[in-house]
Structures are given as structure tokens and as C-alpha cells.
Amino acid sequence: MQKQGLLNIGFGNFVVLNRVVSIVNPTSAPMRRLREDARQDGRLIDATQGRKTRAIIVTDSNHVILSAIQAETIGQRFSAEEGE
């Protein structure tokens, strides 16, 4: 059985590690559309705690998670957790 770790996305919020498909920067127009489409479809999870969105995480269930932690930082955490 595969170990299911958790990925810290900031402020006490976690995502199941093996459900993450991508971690992207939110600044481009396609990412803004992705966020808006997810909001309209009820697939958006805002984990920013009211702060500026610095990363968008897409899961295998097509949910879109907003994080206030930089995408690079989350990517480093992801790599470290997968390596364990």
C-alpha cells in the first residue's frame, strides 16, 4: 500500500500528497480563467486565509486550491515529502 503523506500549503492547511496534479503561479490569464471556472463550478478551495494568492494547486479530482505560499516553496515541500 502506498503511503499517503500530507503537503503543507500554509497556515495549517494540508493537501493529500498523491492527489496533487500541478502547482502553478496564479499570474497568467489562463490561471485566472482556471480559478474563475472552478469558482463557478464549486470546485474552488480558498486556503489563503485572506492573504494574496501566490500559488494554485490542481488536484486529480479537478479541484483548484488557492494558497498564500509561493509555488516554488510548495514545490520544494512536495519534493521533500515525496523523497521520504
Protein backbone atom coordinates (compact mmCIF):
# COMPACT_ATOMS: atom_id res chain seq x y z
CA MET A 1 0.00 0.00 0.00
CA GLN A 2 1.30 3.45 -0.94
CA LYS A 3 1.95 5.90 1.89
CA GLN A 4 -0.35 8.92 1.80
CA GLY A 5 1.58 11.94 3.05
CA LEU A 6 0.26 15.42 3.53
CA LEU A 7 1.57 18.54 1.81
CA ASN A 8 1.61 21.70 3.93
CA ILE A 9 0.16 24.54 1.84
CA GLY A 10 0.35 27.13 4.61
CA PHE A 11 -1.50 28.36 7.68
CA GLY A 12 -2.33 24.90 8.97
CA ASN A 13 -3.81 23.70 5.68
CA PHE A 14 -2.77 20.42 4.06
CA VAL A 15 -3.43 18.51 0.81
CA VAL A 16 -3.04 14.76 0.32
CA LEU A 17 0.30 14.44 -1.47
CA ASN A 18 -0.62 11.87 -4.10
CA ARG A 19 -3.74 13.82 -5.20
CA VAL A 20 -1.73 16.84 -6.44
CA VAL A 21 -1.51 17.13 -10.23
CA SER A 22 0.15 20.55 -10.53
CA ILE A 23 1.37 23.57 -8.59
CA VAL A 24 1.33 26.75 -10.69
CA ASN A 25 1.76 30.52 -10.41
CA PRO A 26 -1.56 32.39 -10.45
CA THR A 27 -0.49 35.42 -12.51
CA SER A 28 -1.21 34.32 -16.08
CA ALA A 29 -4.56 34.81 -17.80
CA PRO A 30 -5.18 31.04 -18.22
CA MET A 31 -4.68 30.52 -14.48
CA ARG A 32 -7.11 33.34 -13.72
CA ARG A 33 -9.67 31.63 -16.00
CA LEU A 34 -8.99 28.31 -14.28
CA ARG A 35 -9.67 29.93 -10.91
CA GLU A 36 -12.86 31.62 -12.11
CA ASP A 37 -14.19 28.45 -13.79
CA ALA A 38 -13.54 26.47 -10.60
CA ARG A 39 -15.33 29.14 -8.53
CA GLN A 40 -18.39 29.00 -10.80
CA ASP A 41 -18.45 25.17 -10.72
CA GLY A 42 -17.99 24.95 -6.93
CA ARG A 43 -14.55 23.30 -7.23
CA LEU A 44 -12.54 26.17 -5.68
CA ILE A 45 -10.98 25.85 -2.24
CA ASP A 46 -9.51 29.06 -0.83
CA ALA A 47 -6.76 28.27 1.70
CA THR A 48 -5.20 31.75 1.63
CA GLN A 49 -6.67 32.89 4.97
CA GLY A 50 -7.47 36.26 3.34
CA ARG A 51 -3.96 36.82 2.01
CA LYS A 52 -2.78 37.27 -1.59
CA THR A 53 -2.90 34.11 -3.74
CA ARG A 54 0.66 33.07 -4.59
CA ALA A 55 0.06 29.51 -5.84
CA ILE A 56 -2.71 27.45 -7.41
CA ILE A 57 -2.80 23.71 -6.75
CA VAL A 58 -4.81 21.45 -9.06
CA THR A 59 -5.84 18.01 -7.80
CA ASP A 60 -6.74 14.80 -9.60
CA SER A 61 -10.39 15.39 -8.67
CA ASN A 62 -10.20 18.67 -10.66
CA HIS A 63 -10.46 20.83 -7.53
CA VAL A 64 -8.50 24.08 -7.54
CA ILE A 65 -6.85 25.11 -4.27
CA LEU A 66 -5.54 28.62 -3.65
CA SER A 67 -2.54 29.08 -1.36
CA ALA A 68 -0.77 32.17 0.01
CA ILE A 69 2.58 30.33 -0.09
CA GLN A 70 4.83 30.74 -3.15
CA ALA A 71 4.55 27.95 -5.76
CA GLU A 72 8.32 27.37 -5.52
CA THR A 73 8.11 26.81 -1.77
CA ILE A 74 5.22 24.37 -2.12
CA GLY A 75 7.14 22.60 -4.89
CA GLN A 76 10.15 22.20 -2.58
CA ARG A 77 7.92 20.82 0.17
CA PHE A 78 6.33 18.45 -2.36
CA SER A 79 9.74 17.15 -3.46
CA ALA A 80 10.89 16.72 0.14
CA GLU A 81 7.75 14.80 1.11
CA GLU A 82 7.90 12.53 -1.94
CA GLY A 83 11.54 11.72 -1.20
CA GLU A 84 10.76 10.36 2.29
